[in-house]
């Protein structure tokens, strides 16, 4: 396993959000975390990145515990986050946003360079001199993904991958994730588009009130309409 989250509890102040949360991701696997709003999806991502540290349980990356590490050290281990809301630097150009995070990654191989990013997102190449606040929402999401890839991670976390985007832009994002999967990058993705997620993901987790209530493959999810109706509101 590249990532193991075992029985973690997380809190905001005195309010507990995650209750014995557990999930795992294999090398090169695309896994989804789905559930209604407010059920703990973003908190799970924040716990993995050390932004909302787990008070109980353990998180392992490549078999080594990262539970108590600060976020910057977790990132250096090879985990990259595409946050909800994108958080693009508005006063930096596309190219400067990419250069700000560029590293050769934990392996030192540096697969993701600017040229590789331009090939993956030709639209960003066309806008490379544009400031972050001059980009459309879809372009900002592409840049957020590209910025994360420039750290050359081994695991990519995407929180609300296509929220608020136009259908054509969503398709571009899903195609990007498919290509990243073909590259062998492990991905944990949060999104509400079950149909698109089912096409690219190996496995799915459903979270309810801070706990995993179901996990399985895309075929298994398709066969359980009652699960989707009960936990995803479809």
Protein backbone atom coordinates (compact mmCIF):
# COMPACT_ATOMS: atom_id res chain seq x y z
CA UNK A 1 0.00 0.00 0.00
CA UNK A 2 1.20 3.50 -0.76
CA UNK A 3 -1.20 5.03 1.81
CA UNK A 4 -2.85 3.51 4.87
CA UNK A 5 -5.22 5.49 7.08
CA UNK A 6 -6.08 3.44 10.15
CA UNK A 7 -8.72 4.30 12.74
CA UNK A 8 -8.06 8.03 12.88
CA UNK A 9 -10.07 10.53 14.91
CA UNK A 10 -9.91 14.22 13.97
CA UNK A 11 -11.41 17.29 15.62
CA UNK A 12 -12.06 20.96 14.96
CA UNK A 13 -11.61 22.36 18.45
CA UNK A 14 -13.78 20.21 20.68
CA UNK A 15 -15.99 18.97 17.83
CA UNK A 16 -15.08 15.51 16.57
CA UNK A 17 -15.43 15.06 12.79
CA UNK A 18 -13.73 11.73 12.03
CA UNK A 19 -14.53 8.60 14.04
CA UNK A 20 -12.16 5.69 13.42
CA UNK A 21 -11.70 6.67 9.77
CA UNK A 22 -9.85 4.06 7.70
CA UNK A 23 -8.94 3.72 4.03
CA UNK A 24 -6.05 2.47 1.90
CA UNK A 25 -4.63 3.15 -1.55
CA UNK A 26 -2.36 0.86 -3.55
CA UNK A 27 0.45 1.97 -5.87
CA UNK A 28 -0.97 3.39 -9.10
CA UNK A 29 -4.57 3.12 -7.91
CA UNK A 30 -7.31 5.72 -8.29
CA UNK A 31 -9.62 5.74 -5.26
CA UNK A 32 -12.60 7.98 -4.56
CA UNK A 33 -14.00 9.29 -1.30
CA UNK A 34 -17.68 10.12 -1.67
CA UNK A 35 -20.46 11.29 0.59
CA UNK A 36 -22.83 14.15 1.25
CA UNK A 37 -21.57 17.57 2.29
CA UNK A 38 -20.32 17.85 5.85
CA UNK A 39 -19.57 14.15 6.31
CA UNK A 40 -15.78 14.46 6.72
CA UNK A 41 -14.32 14.15 3.21
CA UNK A 42 -12.24 17.33 3.31
CA UNK A 43 -11.25 16.66 6.92
CA UNK A 44 -9.88 13.27 5.84
CA UNK A 45 -7.73 14.95 3.20
CA UNK A 46 -6.59 17.57 5.71
CA UNK A 47 -5.69 14.84 8.20
CA UNK A 48 -3.58 13.03 5.60
CA UNK A 49 -1.72 16.28 4.84
CA UNK A 50 -1.25 17.12 8.52
CA UNK A 51 -3.39 20.26 8.27
CA UNK A 52 -5.95 18.89 10.77
CA UNK A 53 -3.82 16.35 12.62
CA UNK A 54 -5.37 13.09 13.77
CA UNK A 55 -5.59 12.79 17.56
CA UNK A 56 -5.85 9.01 17.43
CA UNK A 57 -4.92 6.32 14.93
CA UNK A 58 -2.10 6.23 12.40
CA UNK A 59 -1.47 7.34 8.81
CA UNK A 60 1.28 5.53 6.91
CA UNK A 61 2.88 6.47 3.59
CA UNK A 62 5.01 3.73 2.04
CA UNK A 63 4.73 1.92 5.36
CA UNK A 64 6.15 4.78 7.44
CA UNK A 65 4.03 6.72 9.92
CA UNK A 66 3.45 10.34 8.90
CA UNK A 67 0.70 11.08 11.44
CA UNK A 68 2.75 13.51 13.54
CA UNK A 69 4.67 15.19 10.71
CA UNK A 70 4.07 18.85 9.77
CA UNK A 71 2.45 19.46 6.36
CA UNK A 72 5.65 20.56 4.59
CA UNK A 73 7.42 17.31 5.52
CA UNK A 74 4.44 15.25 4.37
CA UNK A 75 4.55 17.10 1.05
CA UNK A 76 8.26 16.40 0.73
CA UNK A 77 7.58 12.68 1.20
CA UNK A 78 5.63 12.78 -2.07
CA UNK A 79 2.00 13.70 -1.36
CA UNK A 80 0.49 16.67 -3.24
CA UNK A 81 -2.83 18.37 -2.58
CA UNK A 82 -5.19 20.08 -5.02
CA UNK A 83 -7.33 21.91 -2.46
CA UNK A 84 -10.98 22.81 -2.62
CA UNK A 85 -11.15 26.40 -3.87
CA UNK A 86 -7.85 25.99 -5.81
CA UNK A 87 -5.97 28.72 -3.85
CA UNK A 88 -4.10 29.98 -6.91
CA UNK A 89 -1.71 32.90 -6.24
CA UNK A 90 -3.60 35.73 -7.97
CA UNK A 91 -0.64 38.04 -8.52
CA UNK A 92 1.64 35.40 -10.06
CA UNK A 93 1.49 34.33 -13.69
CA UNK A 94 0.66 30.77 -14.69
CA UNK A 95 4.33 30.09 -15.25
CA UNK A 96 5.31 31.65 -11.91
CA UNK A 97 2.67 29.60 -10.07
CA UNK A 98 4.28 26.47 -11.50
CA UNK A 99 7.86 27.52 -10.78
CA UNK A 100 6.91 28.32 -7.18
CA UNK A 101 6.29 24.63 -6.39
CA UNK A 102 8.69 22.91 -8.81
CA UNK A 103 10.84 20.16 -7.31
CA UNK A 104 12.26 16.90 -8.60
CA UNK A 105 10.19 14.99 -6.04
CA UNK A 106 11.26 12.33 -3.55
CA UNK A 107 12.63 10.06 -6.29
CA UNK A 108 14.67 12.86 -7.85
CA UNK A 109 13.52 11.83 -11.33
CA UNK A 110 11.41 14.90 -12.04
CA UNK A 111 8.89 13.47 -14.52
CA UNK A 112 6.76 16.61 -14.41
CA UNK A 113 8.42 19.63 -15.99
CA UNK A 114 6.88 22.73 -17.53
CA UNK A 115 7.01 21.12 -20.97
CA UNK A 116 5.17 18.06 -19.64
CA UNK A 117 2.55 20.35 -18.08
CA UNK A 118 2.06 22.23 -21.37
CA UNK A 119 1.50 18.88 -23.11
CA UNK A 120 -1.05 17.82 -20.50
CA UNK A 121 -2.81 21.21 -20.44
CA UNK A 122 -2.30 23.04 -23.76
CA UNK A 123 -4.68 25.75 -22.54
CA UNK A 124 -2.24 26.65 -19.76
CA UNK A 125 0.56 26.94 -22.28
CA UNK A 126 -1.51 29.52 -24.15
CA UNK A 127 -2.13 31.43 -20.89
CA UNK A 128 1.35 31.05 -19.39
CA UNK A 129 1.85 34.82 -19.03
CA UNK A 130 -1.61 35.47 -17.59
CA UNK A 131 -1.99 36.26 -13.91
CA UNK A 132 -3.80 33.80 -11.67
CA UNK A 133 -6.72 36.17 -11.19
CA UNK A 134 -7.18 36.48 -14.96
CA UNK A 135 -7.96 32.79 -15.43
CA UNK A 136 -11.38 31.20 -15.66
CA UNK A 137 -12.47 28.75 -12.99
CA UNK A 138 -11.61 25.82 -15.24
CA UNK A 139 -8.18 27.23 -16.04
CA UNK A 140 -7.53 27.79 -12.35
CA UNK A 141 -8.40 24.17 -11.63
CA UNK A 142 -6.03 23.02 -14.36
CA UNK A 143 -3.34 25.22 -12.85
CA UNK A 144 -4.02 23.85 -9.36
CA UNK A 145 -3.53 20.30 -10.66
CA UNK A 146 -0.46 21.34 -12.66
CA UNK A 147 1.01 23.10 -9.61
CA UNK A 148 0.63 19.92 -7.57
CA UNK A 149 2.19 17.82 -10.33
CA UNK A 150 5.21 20.13 -10.43
CA UNK A 151 6.16 18.74 -7.00
CA UNK A 152 6.49 15.35 -8.75
CA UNK A 153 4.37 13.52 -6.19
CA UNK A 154 3.74 9.82 -5.77
CA UNK A 155 0.20 10.41 -4.44
CA UNK A 156 -2.18 13.14 -5.60
CA UNK A 157 -5.11 14.28 -3.45
CA UNK A 158 -7.92 16.18 -5.19
CA UNK A 159 -10.63 17.82 -3.13
CA UNK A 160 -13.75 18.60 -5.23
CA UNK A 161 -12.04 17.97 -8.57
CA UNK A 162 -14.72 19.50 -10.82
CA UNK A 163 -16.99 21.51 -8.51
CA UNK A 164 -18.55 24.51 -10.24
CA UNK A 165 -16.96 23.83 -13.62
CA UNK A 166 -18.65 23.83 -17.02
CA UNK A 167 -19.33 20.37 -18.54
CA UNK A 168 -16.64 20.69 -21.23
CA UNK A 169 -14.03 21.67 -18.64
CA UNK A 170 -15.10 18.78 -16.44
CA UNK A 171 -14.42 16.42 -19.33
CA UNK A 172 -10.92 17.87 -19.67
CA UNK A 173 -10.27 17.29 -15.97
CA UNK A 174 -11.53 13.70 -16.14
CA UNK A 175 -9.35 13.08 -19.20
CA UNK A 176 -6.39 14.50 -17.30
CA UNK A 177 -7.01 12.13 -14.38
CA UNK A 178 -7.31 9.21 -16.79
CA UNK A 179 -3.93 10.10 -18.29
CA UNK A 180 -2.38 10.42 -14.84
CA UNK A 181 -3.75 7.00 -13.96
CA UNK A 182 -2.13 5.61 -17.13
CA UNK A 183 1.12 7.16 -15.92
CA UNK A 184 0.83 5.10 -12.74
CA UNK A 185 0.18 7.97 -10.33
CA UNK A 186 -1.84 7.04 -7.23
CA UNK A 187 -4.81 9.38 -6.76
CA UNK A 188 -7.40 9.99 -4.05
CA UNK A 189 -10.23 12.11 -5.45
CA UNK A 190 -13.30 13.73 -3.93
CA UNK A 191 -16.11 14.69 -6.29
CA UNK A 192 -19.86 14.33 -6.74
CA UNK A 193 -19.87 13.07 -10.34
CA UNK A 194 -20.40 9.37 -9.73
CA UNK A 195 -20.64 8.45 -13.40
CA UNK A 196 -17.28 10.00 -14.27
CA UNK A 197 -15.63 8.67 -11.12
CA UNK A 198 -16.87 5.16 -11.88
CA UNK A 199 -15.13 5.23 -15.25
CA UNK A 200 -11.68 6.07 -13.92
CA UNK A 201 -11.53 4.78 -10.34
CA UNK A 202 -10.45 1.34 -9.17
CA UNK A 203 -12.30 1.52 -5.88
CA UNK A 204 -14.68 3.75 -3.95
CA UNK A 205 -15.20 4.64 -0.31
CA UNK A 206 -18.39 6.24 1.00
CA UNK A 207 -18.21 8.27 4.19
CA UNK A 208 -21.12 9.07 6.50
CA UNK A 209 -20.75 11.11 9.70
CA UNK A 210 -16.98 10.68 9.78
CA UNK A 211 -16.92 6.91 9.22
CA UNK A 212 -16.57 4.65 6.19
CA UNK A 213 -19.90 2.93 5.65
CA UNK A 214 -19.21 1.21 2.31
CA UNK A 215 -16.32 0.35 0.00
CA UNK A 216 -16.12 -1.51 -3.29
CA UNK A 217 -15.44 -1.44 -7.01
CA UNK A 218 -17.28 0.55 -9.68
CA UNK A 219 -19.22 -2.56 -10.71
CA UNK A 220 -20.24 -3.18 -7.12
CA UNK A 221 -21.31 0.44 -6.70
CA UNK A 222 -23.40 0.29 -9.87
CA UNK A 223 -25.10 -2.84 -8.59
CA UNK A 224 -26.09 -1.24 -5.27
CA UNK A 225 -28.62 1.47 -6.06
CA UNK A 226 -29.78 1.37 -2.44
CA UNK A 227 -26.28 2.38 -1.29
CA UNK A 228 -26.23 5.38 -3.64
CA UNK A 229 -29.74 6.40 -2.65
CA UNK A 230 -29.00 6.11 1.06
CA UNK A 231 -25.58 7.78 1.28
CA UNK A 232 -25.16 9.90 -1.84
CA UNK A 233 -28.64 11.31 -2.24
CA UNK A 234 -29.18 10.14 -5.82
